[in-house]
């Protein structure tokens, strides 16, 4: 659902805690530019705000091993912040497609680790790519090796939002958080 939200311009943020299959089960920015791989892992209608719940049924079921998945875009991490307190997360609530309870549960899971908030500039590719689903593409992870698709920034694409719209949204979020996003390290 997050890929759809990013590419449609509904959202410019993603929240990450680190997946079970990630090194040390901790999140870290592994790349500042990456392909947006659509997945339905952990996607249930009740985890989304009511306005977005229809997306779950519209997007169907998770593809199986060997099935093809369409890659419609890529994103660039323009900044990161970490959140440790519920009040900080509540300030972001209106900027996320996730239901408040779900976002709060992500913050509470592995409480000693912060919740990462990524500011992402999404781009829609002009000619989507297809990719066969591999066994290593499944499960709870934030990063997949999609090197076979090449560098996303050289593929003809268009930003999901204009420079002006993206910039104003980012500034609004920083104002609501009371601090700026930090440049990504990765």
N, C-alpha and C. Protein backbone atom coordinates (compact mmCIF):
# COMPACT_ATOMS: atom_id res chain seq x y z
N UNK A 1 0.81 -1.19 0.00
CA UNK A 1 0.00 0.00 0.00
C UNK A 1 0.86 1.27 0.00
N UNK A 2 2.00 1.20 0.67
CA UNK A 2 2.85 2.39 0.74
C UNK A 2 3.35 2.79 -0.64
N UNK A 3 3.66 1.81 -1.49
CA UNK A 3 4.12 2.13 -2.84
C UNK A 3 3.03 2.89 -3.59
N UNK A 4 1.82 2.43 -3.47
CA UNK A 4 0.70 3.11 -4.14
C UNK A 4 0.53 4.53 -3.60
N UNK A 5 0.63 4.68 -2.29
CA UNK A 5 0.49 6.00 -1.68
C UNK A 5 1.59 6.95 -2.14
N UNK A 6 2.81 6.46 -2.22
CA UNK A 6 3.93 7.29 -2.66
C UNK A 6 3.79 7.70 -4.12
N UNK A 7 3.49 6.73 -4.98
CA UNK A 7 3.42 7.01 -6.41
C UNK A 7 2.21 7.84 -6.81
N UNK A 8 1.16 7.82 -5.99
CA UNK A 8 -0.01 8.64 -6.28
C UNK A 8 0.10 10.03 -5.66
N UNK A 9 1.15 10.26 -4.88
CA UNK A 9 1.32 11.55 -4.23
C UNK A 9 0.50 11.71 -2.96
N UNK A 10 -0.12 10.65 -2.49
CA UNK A 10 -0.91 10.70 -1.26
C UNK A 10 -0.03 10.85 -0.02
N UNK A 11 1.21 10.43 -0.13
CA UNK A 11 2.09 10.41 1.04
C UNK A 11 3.52 10.60 0.56
N UNK A 12 4.35 11.25 1.41
CA UNK A 12 5.77 11.39 1.10
C UNK A 12 6.62 10.73 2.18
N UNK A 13 6.00 10.08 3.13
CA UNK A 13 6.72 9.46 4.24
C UNK A 13 6.55 7.95 4.23
N UNK A 14 7.53 7.28 4.82
CA UNK A 14 7.39 5.87 5.18
C UNK A 14 7.95 5.73 6.57
N UNK A 15 7.37 4.82 7.33
CA UNK A 15 7.88 4.53 8.67
C UNK A 15 8.42 3.11 8.67
N UNK A 16 9.59 2.93 9.26
CA UNK A 16 10.27 1.63 9.26
C UNK A 16 10.84 1.34 10.64
N UNK A 17 10.79 0.09 11.02
CA UNK A 17 11.37 -0.34 12.28
C UNK A 17 12.44 -1.40 12.06
N UNK A 18 12.37 -2.11 10.99
CA UNK A 18 13.32 -3.19 10.72
C UNK A 18 12.60 -4.51 10.72
N UNK A 19 12.86 -5.29 9.72
CA UNK A 19 12.16 -6.56 9.57
C UNK A 19 12.87 -7.71 10.24
N UNK A 20 12.15 -8.78 10.38
CA UNK A 20 12.67 -9.98 11.00
C UNK A 20 13.86 -10.51 10.22
N UNK A 21 13.84 -10.36 8.90
CA UNK A 21 14.92 -10.89 8.06
C UNK A 21 16.07 -9.92 7.88
N UNK A 22 16.04 -8.77 8.51
CA UNK A 22 17.12 -7.80 8.34
C UNK A 22 18.26 -8.07 9.30
N UNK A 23 19.44 -7.66 8.88
CA UNK A 23 20.64 -7.85 9.68
C UNK A 23 20.43 -7.27 11.08
N UNK A 24 20.50 -8.12 12.07
CA UNK A 24 20.30 -7.67 13.45
C UNK A 24 18.89 -7.25 13.77
N UNK A 25 17.98 -7.45 12.82
CA UNK A 25 16.58 -7.05 12.97
C UNK A 25 16.42 -5.55 13.25
N UNK A 26 17.37 -4.77 12.77
CA UNK A 26 17.34 -3.32 12.94
C UNK A 26 17.29 -2.66 11.57
N UNK A 27 16.56 -1.57 11.48
CA UNK A 27 16.47 -0.85 10.23
C UNK A 27 17.69 0.06 10.05
N UNK A 28 18.10 0.22 8.83
CA UNK A 28 19.12 1.18 8.44
C UNK A 28 18.91 1.51 6.97
N UNK A 29 19.27 2.71 6.59
CA UNK A 29 19.15 3.10 5.19
C UNK A 29 20.28 2.44 4.42
N UNK A 30 19.94 1.52 3.55
CA UNK A 30 20.94 0.79 2.76
C UNK A 30 21.20 1.44 1.40
N UNK A 31 20.30 2.28 0.96
CA UNK A 31 20.45 2.97 -0.32
C UNK A 31 19.62 4.25 -0.27
N UNK A 32 20.11 5.29 -0.91
CA UNK A 32 19.34 6.54 -0.94
C UNK A 32 18.42 6.62 -2.15
N UNK A 33 18.67 5.76 -3.16
CA UNK A 33 17.77 5.62 -4.31
C UNK A 33 17.46 4.15 -4.46
N UNK A 34 16.17 3.84 -4.64
CA UNK A 34 15.80 2.43 -4.71
C UNK A 34 14.48 2.26 -5.45
N UNK A 35 14.31 1.07 -6.00
CA UNK A 35 13.06 0.69 -6.67
C UNK A 35 11.99 0.47 -5.62
N UNK A 36 10.76 0.80 -5.96
CA UNK A 36 9.61 0.57 -5.08
C UNK A 36 8.97 -0.76 -5.45
N UNK A 37 9.21 -1.74 -4.63
CA UNK A 37 8.69 -3.09 -4.86
C UNK A 37 7.35 -3.22 -4.15
N UNK A 38 6.26 -3.40 -4.90
CA UNK A 38 4.94 -3.49 -4.26
C UNK A 38 4.76 -4.85 -3.57
N UNK A 39 4.29 -4.80 -2.38
CA UNK A 39 4.05 -6.02 -1.63
C UNK A 39 2.77 -5.87 -0.82
N UNK A 40 2.16 -6.98 -0.53
CA UNK A 40 0.98 -6.96 0.32
C UNK A 40 1.27 -7.62 1.66
N UNK A 41 2.56 -7.87 1.93
CA UNK A 41 2.97 -8.42 3.22
C UNK A 41 2.47 -7.51 4.34
N UNK A 42 1.84 -8.08 5.31
CA UNK A 42 1.30 -7.34 6.47
C UNK A 42 0.21 -6.33 6.08
N UNK A 43 -0.43 -6.50 4.93
CA UNK A 43 -1.43 -5.55 4.49
C UNK A 43 -2.83 -6.09 4.76
N UNK A 44 -3.49 -5.45 5.69
CA UNK A 44 -4.89 -5.77 5.99
C UNK A 44 -5.64 -4.45 6.06
N UNK A 45 -6.87 -4.46 5.63
CA UNK A 45 -7.66 -3.23 5.55
C UNK A 45 -7.70 -2.49 6.88
N UNK A 46 -7.80 -3.20 7.98
CA UNK A 46 -7.92 -2.52 9.28
C UNK A 46 -6.64 -1.80 9.70
N UNK A 47 -5.53 -2.04 9.00
CA UNK A 47 -4.28 -1.33 9.32
C UNK A 47 -4.21 0.04 8.64
N UNK A 48 -5.15 0.29 7.73
CA UNK A 48 -5.18 1.54 6.99
C UNK A 48 -6.30 2.44 7.49
N UNK A 49 -6.15 3.73 7.26
CA UNK A 49 -7.24 4.66 7.52
C UNK A 49 -8.39 4.29 6.60
N UNK A 50 -9.63 4.56 7.00
CA UNK A 50 -10.79 4.15 6.19
C UNK A 50 -10.73 4.57 4.73
N UNK A 51 -10.21 5.73 4.41
CA UNK A 51 -10.18 6.21 3.03
C UNK A 51 -9.30 5.35 2.12
N UNK A 52 -8.40 4.57 2.71
CA UNK A 52 -7.46 3.77 1.92
C UNK A 52 -7.74 2.27 1.99
N UNK A 53 -8.69 1.86 2.76
CA UNK A 53 -8.96 0.43 2.95
C UNK A 53 -9.36 -0.28 1.66
N UNK A 54 -9.99 0.42 0.75
CA UNK A 54 -10.39 -0.19 -0.52
C UNK A 54 -9.18 -0.67 -1.32
N UNK A 55 -8.02 -0.07 -1.08
CA UNK A 55 -6.82 -0.45 -1.82
C UNK A 55 -6.45 -1.91 -1.59
N UNK A 56 -6.73 -2.43 -0.41
CA UNK A 56 -6.37 -3.82 -0.11
C UNK A 56 -7.10 -4.76 -1.05
N UNK A 57 -8.40 -4.59 -1.20
CA UNK A 57 -9.15 -5.48 -2.09
C UNK A 57 -8.86 -5.19 -3.56
N UNK A 58 -8.58 -3.94 -3.90
CA UNK A 58 -8.28 -3.59 -5.29
C UNK A 58 -6.94 -4.18 -5.75
N UNK A 59 -5.99 -4.28 -4.84
CA UNK A 59 -4.66 -4.77 -5.20
C UNK A 59 -4.58 -6.29 -5.21
N UNK A 60 -5.60 -6.98 -4.73
CA UNK A 60 -5.64 -8.43 -4.81
C UNK A 60 -4.76 -9.15 -3.80
N UNK A 61 -4.19 -10.27 -4.24
CA UNK A 61 -3.40 -11.11 -3.35
C UNK A 61 -1.91 -10.99 -3.66
N UNK A 62 -1.12 -11.35 -2.67
CA UNK A 62 0.34 -11.36 -2.81
C UNK A 62 0.73 -12.34 -3.91
N UNK A 63 1.58 -11.93 -4.87
CA UNK A 63 2.00 -12.87 -5.91
C UNK A 63 2.86 -14.00 -5.33
N UNK A 64 2.80 -15.14 -5.95
CA UNK A 64 3.58 -16.29 -5.51
C UNK A 64 4.95 -16.34 -6.17
N UNK A 65 5.79 -17.25 -5.69
CA UNK A 65 7.13 -17.43 -6.26
C UNK A 65 6.99 -17.72 -7.76
N UNK A 66 7.76 -17.00 -8.56
CA UNK A 66 7.73 -17.17 -10.00
C UNK A 66 6.72 -16.29 -10.72
N UNK A 67 5.72 -15.79 -9.99
CA UNK A 67 4.78 -14.86 -10.60
C UNK A 67 5.51 -13.55 -10.93
N UNK A 68 4.92 -12.78 -11.80
CA UNK A 68 5.50 -11.48 -12.14
C UNK A 68 4.88 -10.38 -11.30
N UNK A 69 5.70 -9.42 -10.97
CA UNK A 69 5.23 -8.23 -10.27
C UNK A 69 5.68 -7.03 -11.10
N UNK A 70 4.82 -6.02 -11.15
CA UNK A 70 5.13 -4.83 -11.93
C UNK A 70 5.77 -3.78 -11.03
N UNK A 71 6.87 -3.22 -11.49
CA UNK A 71 7.59 -2.17 -10.77
C UNK A 71 7.25 -0.85 -11.47
N UNK A 72 6.52 0.00 -10.77
CA UNK A 72 6.02 1.23 -11.37
C UNK A 72 6.82 2.48 -11.01
N UNK A 73 7.78 2.35 -10.10
CA UNK A 73 8.50 3.55 -9.73
C UNK A 73 9.67 3.31 -8.80
N UNK A 74 10.26 4.40 -8.40
CA UNK A 74 11.40 4.38 -7.51
C UNK A 74 11.32 5.59 -6.59
N UNK A 75 12.15 5.59 -5.57
CA UNK A 75 12.14 6.69 -4.62
C UNK A 75 13.55 7.06 -4.22
N UNK A 76 13.67 8.29 -3.80
CA UNK A 76 14.93 8.80 -3.26
C UNK A 76 14.67 9.25 -1.82
N UNK A 77 15.53 8.83 -0.92
CA UNK A 77 15.43 9.26 0.48
C UNK A 77 16.02 10.66 0.55
N UNK A 78 15.19 11.66 0.85
CA UNK A 78 15.69 13.03 0.95
C UNK A 78 16.01 13.41 2.38
N UNK A 79 15.53 12.62 3.33
CA UNK A 79 15.84 12.90 4.73
C UNK A 79 15.25 11.85 5.65
N UNK A 80 15.79 11.79 6.84
CA UNK A 80 15.31 10.85 7.86
C UNK A 80 15.23 11.54 9.21
N UNK A 81 14.33 11.07 10.03
CA UNK A 81 14.28 11.40 11.45
C UNK A 81 13.92 10.11 12.17
N UNK A 82 14.25 10.05 13.43
CA UNK A 82 13.80 8.92 14.24
C UNK A 82 12.84 9.44 15.29
N UNK A 83 11.86 8.62 15.59
CA UNK A 83 10.81 8.96 16.52
C UNK A 83 10.83 7.93 17.65
N UNK A 84 10.77 8.41 18.88
CA UNK A 84 10.76 7.50 20.02
C UNK A 84 9.55 7.69 20.93
N UNK A 85 8.85 8.78 20.77
CA UNK A 85 7.73 9.09 21.66
C UNK A 85 6.40 9.11 20.89
N UNK A 86 5.34 8.61 21.53
CA UNK A 86 4.03 8.60 20.88
C UNK A 86 3.57 9.98 20.40
N UNK A 87 3.92 11.03 21.14
CA UNK A 87 3.50 12.38 20.76
C UNK A 87 4.11 12.79 19.42
N UNK A 88 5.35 12.38 19.20
CA UNK A 88 6.01 12.69 17.92
C UNK A 88 5.28 11.99 16.78
N UNK A 89 4.95 10.74 16.98
CA UNK A 89 4.25 9.98 15.95
C UNK A 89 2.86 10.56 15.69
N UNK A 90 2.18 11.00 16.73
CA UNK A 90 0.85 11.59 16.56
C UNK A 90 0.91 12.84 15.68
N UNK A 91 2.00 13.59 15.75
CA UNK A 91 2.15 14.79 14.91
C UNK A 91 2.22 14.43 13.43
N UNK A 92 2.61 13.18 13.14
CA UNK A 92 2.71 12.72 11.76
C UNK A 92 1.45 12.01 11.27
N UNK A 93 0.53 11.74 12.17
CA UNK A 93 -0.64 10.92 11.87
C UNK A 93 -1.40 11.32 10.63
N UNK A 94 -1.60 12.60 10.42
CA UNK A 94 -2.38 13.03 9.26
C UNK A 94 -1.59 12.91 7.96
N UNK A 95 -0.32 12.60 8.05
CA UNK A 95 0.54 12.48 6.87
C UNK A 95 0.77 11.03 6.45
N UNK A 96 0.12 10.09 7.14
CA UNK A 96 0.30 8.67 6.88
C UNK A 96 -1.01 8.01 6.49
N UNK A 97 -0.94 6.97 5.65
CA UNK A 97 -2.14 6.21 5.30
C UNK A 97 -2.48 5.20 6.37
N UNK A 98 -1.55 4.93 7.27
CA UNK A 98 -1.74 3.90 8.31
C UNK A 98 -2.71 4.37 9.38
N UNK A 99 -3.50 3.45 9.87
CA UNK A 99 -4.39 3.75 11.00
C UNK A 99 -3.52 4.09 12.21
N UNK A 100 -4.03 4.96 13.05
CA UNK A 100 -3.26 5.41 14.21
C UNK A 100 -2.79 4.25 15.09
N UNK A 101 -3.67 3.27 15.30
CA UNK A 101 -3.29 2.11 16.13
C UNK A 101 -2.14 1.33 15.52
N UNK A 102 -2.14 1.17 14.20
CA UNK A 102 -1.06 0.42 13.56
C UNK A 102 0.26 1.16 13.67
N UNK A 103 0.26 2.47 13.38
CA UNK A 103 1.48 3.25 13.48
C UNK A 103 2.02 3.20 14.91
N UNK A 104 1.13 3.31 15.89
CA UNK A 104 1.55 3.25 17.30
C UNK A 104 2.13 1.87 17.63
N UNK A 105 1.58 0.81 17.05
CA UNK A 105 2.11 -0.53 17.32
C UNK A 105 3.51 -0.69 16.75
N UNK A 106 3.80 -0.03 15.63
CA UNK A 106 5.15 -0.07 15.06
C UNK A 106 6.14 0.62 15.99
N UNK A 107 5.71 1.71 16.60
CA UNK A 107 6.57 2.42 17.55
C UNK A 107 6.85 1.55 18.78
N UNK A 108 5.83 0.85 19.26
CA UNK A 108 5.96 0.04 20.48
C UNK A 108 6.76 -1.25 20.26
N UNK A 109 6.74 -1.79 19.05
CA UNK A 109 7.46 -3.03 18.77
C UNK A 109 8.95 -2.75 18.90
N UNK A 110 9.66 -3.61 19.59
CA UNK A 110 11.09 -3.43 19.86
C UNK A 110 11.32 -2.02 20.39
N UNK A 111 10.71 -1.74 21.51
CA UNK A 111 10.66 -0.38 22.08
C UNK A 111 12.03 0.29 22.19
N UNK A 112 13.08 -0.50 22.38
CA UNK A 112 14.41 0.11 22.52
C UNK A 112 14.92 0.73 21.22
N UNK A 113 14.33 0.33 20.09
CA UNK A 113 14.72 0.87 18.79
C UNK A 113 13.78 1.99 18.38
N UNK A 114 14.32 3.07 17.79
CA UNK A 114 13.44 4.14 17.32
C UNK A 114 12.68 3.73 16.07
N UNK A 115 11.63 4.43 15.79
CA UNK A 115 10.90 4.28 14.54
C UNK A 115 11.51 5.27 13.56
N UNK A 116 11.94 4.77 12.43
CA UNK A 116 12.53 5.63 11.41
C UNK A 116 11.41 6.22 10.55
N UNK A 117 11.52 7.50 10.28
CA UNK A 117 10.62 8.19 9.36
C UNK A 117 11.46 8.64 8.18
N UNK A 118 11.11 8.15 7.01
CA UNK A 118 11.84 8.50 5.79
C UNK A 118 11.02 9.46 4.97
N UNK A 119 11.61 10.57 4.58
CA UNK A 119 10.98 11.48 3.62
C UNK A 119 11.43 11.00 2.25
N UNK A 120 10.47 10.61 1.41
CA UNK A 120 10.77 9.97 0.13
C UNK A 120 10.22 10.78 -1.03
N UNK A 121 11.07 11.04 -2.00
CA UNK A 121 10.64 11.67 -3.26
C UNK A 121 10.41 10.54 -4.25
N UNK A 122 9.15 10.27 -4.54
CA UNK A 122 8.78 9.15 -5.41
C UNK A 122 8.72 9.60 -6.87
N UNK A 123 9.05 8.66 -7.75
CA UNK A 123 9.05 8.88 -9.19
C UNK A 123 8.33 7.72 -9.87
N UNK A 124 7.43 8.04 -10.80
CA UNK A 124 6.74 7.03 -11.61
C UNK A 124 7.55 6.81 -12.88
N UNK A 125 7.88 5.56 -13.17
CA UNK A 125 8.62 5.27 -14.40
C UNK A 125 7.64 5.34 -15.58
N UNK A 126 8.15 5.78 -16.72
CA UNK A 126 7.29 5.91 -17.90
C UNK A 126 6.96 4.56 -18.50
N UNK A 127 7.87 3.59 -18.35
CA UNK A 127 7.62 2.22 -18.82
C UNK A 127 7.89 1.27 -17.66
N UNK A 128 6.83 0.79 -16.99
CA UNK A 128 7.03 -0.12 -15.86
C UNK A 128 7.81 -1.36 -16.25
N UNK A 129 8.56 -1.88 -15.30
CA UNK A 129 9.32 -3.11 -15.49
C UNK A 129 8.57 -4.26 -14.81
N UNK A 130 8.82 -5.46 -15.28
CA UNK A 130 8.26 -6.62 -14.60
C UNK A 130 9.42 -7.46 -14.09
N UNK A 131 9.16 -8.12 -13.00
CA UNK A 131 10.18 -8.88 -12.31
C UNK A 131 9.54 -10.14 -11.76
N UNK A 132 10.21 -11.27 -11.92
CA UNK A 132 9.69 -12.51 -11.35
C UNK A 132 9.95 -12.51 -9.84
N UNK A 133 8.97 -12.92 -9.09
CA UNK A 133 9.09 -12.97 -7.63
C UNK A 133 9.98 -14.14 -7.25
N UNK A 134 11.04 -13.83 -6.52
CA UNK A 134 11.95 -14.86 -6.03
C UNK A 134 11.65 -15.19 -4.58
N UNK A 135 12.13 -16.30 -4.12
CA UNK A 135 11.91 -16.71 -2.73
C UNK A 135 12.47 -15.69 -1.75
N UNK A 136 13.57 -15.04 -2.13
CA UNK A 136 14.18 -14.05 -1.25
C UNK A 136 13.42 -12.71 -1.24
N UNK A 137 12.36 -12.59 -2.04
CA UNK A 137 11.56 -11.38 -2.08
C UNK A 137 10.40 -11.41 -1.07
N UNK A 138 10.26 -12.49 -0.38
CA UNK A 138 9.10 -12.66 0.51
C UNK A 138 9.54 -12.51 1.95
N UNK A 139 8.58 -12.18 2.79
CA UNK A 139 8.86 -12.08 4.21
C UNK A 139 9.06 -10.65 4.66
N UNK A 140 9.36 -10.51 5.89
CA UNK A 140 9.43 -9.21 6.55
C UNK A 140 10.83 -8.62 6.41
N UNK A 141 11.00 -7.78 5.41
CA UNK A 141 12.28 -7.11 5.18
C UNK A 141 12.02 -5.75 4.53
N UNK A 142 12.92 -4.82 4.76
CA UNK A 142 12.77 -3.49 4.18
C UNK A 142 13.47 -3.34 2.84
N UNK A 143 14.51 -4.15 2.61
CA UNK A 143 15.33 -3.98 1.43
C UNK A 143 15.43 -5.28 0.64
N UNK A 144 15.28 -5.16 -0.66
CA UNK A 144 15.44 -6.29 -1.58
C UNK A 144 16.53 -5.93 -2.59
N UNK A 145 17.22 -6.93 -3.07
CA UNK A 145 18.23 -6.73 -4.09
C UNK A 145 17.55 -6.74 -5.46
N UNK A 146 17.36 -5.56 -6.02
CA UNK A 146 16.75 -5.44 -7.34
C UNK A 146 17.75 -4.87 -8.34
N UNK A 147 19.03 -5.19 -8.13
CA UNK A 147 20.08 -4.68 -9.00
C UNK A 147 19.87 -5.05 -10.46
N UNK A 148 19.15 -6.13 -10.73
CA UNK A 148 18.89 -6.55 -12.10
C UNK A 148 18.15 -5.47 -12.89
N UNK A 149 17.45 -4.59 -12.19
CA UNK A 149 16.71 -3.52 -12.86
C UNK A 149 17.59 -2.31 -13.16
N UNK A 150 18.79 -2.27 -12.61
CA UNK A 150 19.69 -1.14 -12.85
C UNK A 150 19.43 0.03 -11.93
N UNK A 151 20.09 1.13 -12.23
CA UNK A 151 19.97 2.36 -11.44
C UNK A 151 18.65 3.04 -11.77
N UNK A 152 17.77 3.19 -10.79
CA UNK A 152 16.45 3.77 -11.10
C UNK A 152 16.52 5.21 -11.57
N UNK A 153 17.52 5.96 -11.14
CA UNK A 153 17.56 7.38 -11.48
C UNK A 153 17.87 7.65 -12.95
N UNK A 154 18.30 6.64 -13.71
CA UNK A 154 18.58 6.85 -15.14
C UNK A 154 17.44 6.38 -16.03
N UNK A 155 16.40 5.80 -15.43
CA UNK A 155 15.24 5.33 -16.18
C UNK A 155 14.28 6.51 -16.37
N UNK A 156 13.75 6.71 -17.58
CA UNK A 156 12.80 7.81 -17.78
C UNK A 156 11.63 7.72 -16.79
N UNK A 157 11.45 8.81 -16.04
CA UNK A 157 10.41 8.84 -15.02
C UNK A 157 9.98 10.27 -14.77
N UNK A 158 8.91 10.40 -13.99
CA UNK A 158 8.42 11.72 -13.61
C UNK A 158 8.12 11.70 -12.11
N UNK A 159 8.39 12.81 -11.42
CA UNK A 159 8.10 12.84 -9.99
C UNK A 159 6.60 12.72 -9.72
N UNK A 160 6.27 12.05 -8.64
CA UNK A 160 4.86 11.91 -8.26
C UNK A 160 4.25 13.25 -7.88
N UNK A 161 5.07 14.15 -7.38
CA UNK A 161 4.64 15.49 -6.99
C UNK A 161 5.58 16.52 -7.60
N UNK A 162 5.07 17.70 -7.88
CA UNK A 162 5.93 18.78 -8.38
C UNK A 162 6.95 19.15 -7.30
N UNK A 163 8.01 19.81 -7.70
CA UNK A 163 9.02 20.27 -6.74
C UNK A 163 8.37 21.14 -5.66
N UNK A 164 7.50 22.04 -6.09
CA UNK A 164 6.85 22.96 -5.16
C UNK A 164 5.96 22.21 -4.16
N UNK A 165 5.16 21.30 -4.65
CA UNK A 165 4.26 20.54 -3.77
C UNK A 165 5.05 19.67 -2.79
N UNK A 166 6.06 18.98 -3.30
CA UNK A 166 6.87 18.14 -2.42
C UNK A 166 7.56 18.99 -1.36
N UNK A 167 8.18 20.08 -1.78
CA UNK A 167 8.89 20.95 -0.84
C UNK A 167 7.99 21.53 0.24
N UNK A 168 6.80 21.95 -0.15
CA UNK A 168 5.89 22.52 0.85
C UNK A 168 5.40 21.46 1.83
N UNK A 169 5.15 20.26 1.35
CA UNK A 169 4.73 19.18 2.26
C UNK A 169 5.84 18.84 3.25
N UNK A 170 7.07 18.76 2.74
CA UNK A 170 8.20 18.44 3.60
C UNK A 170 8.38 19.51 4.68
N UNK A 171 8.30 20.77 4.30
CA UNK A 171 8.44 21.86 5.28
C UNK A 171 7.34 21.82 6.32
N UNK A 172 6.12 21.52 5.90
CA UNK A 172 5.00 21.42 6.84
C UNK A 172 5.25 20.30 7.86
N UNK A 173 5.71 19.17 7.38
CA UNK A 173 6.00 18.04 8.29
C UNK A 173 7.10 18.42 9.27
N UNK A 174 8.15 19.06 8.78
CA UNK A 174 9.24 19.48 9.67
C UNK A 174 8.74 20.48 10.71
N UNK A 175 7.87 21.38 10.32
CA UNK A 175 7.29 22.34 11.26
C UNK A 175 6.48 21.62 12.33
N UNK A 176 5.66 20.66 11.90
CA UNK A 176 4.83 19.91 12.85
C UNK A 176 5.67 19.06 13.79
N UNK A 177 6.78 18.52 13.28
CA UNK A 177 7.68 17.73 14.13
C UNK A 177 8.51 18.62 15.05
N UNK A 178 8.75 19.85 14.63
CA UNK A 178 9.58 20.76 15.40
C UNK A 178 11.07 20.54 15.17
N UNK A 179 11.41 19.87 14.08
CA UNK A 179 12.82 19.64 13.73
C UNK A 179 12.91 19.23 12.27
N UNK A 180 14.10 19.47 11.68
CA UNK A 180 14.27 19.13 10.27
C UNK A 180 14.63 17.66 10.09
N UNK A 181 14.42 17.17 8.88
CA UNK A 181 14.91 15.86 8.49
C UNK A 181 16.42 15.96 8.33
N UNK A 182 17.11 14.90 8.68
CA UNK A 182 18.56 14.83 8.51
C UNK A 182 18.87 14.23 7.15
N UNK A 183 19.99 14.64 6.54
CA UNK A 183 20.36 14.00 5.26
C UNK A 183 20.54 12.49 5.48
N UNK A 184 20.15 11.70 4.48
CA UNK A 184 20.27 10.25 4.64
C UNK A 184 21.72 9.79 4.60
N UNK A 185 21.97 8.73 5.32
CA UNK A 185 23.28 8.08 5.29
C UNK A 185 23.05 6.70 4.72
N UNK A 186 23.68 6.37 3.64
CA UNK A 186 23.45 5.04 3.05
C UNK A 186 24.13 4.84 1.75
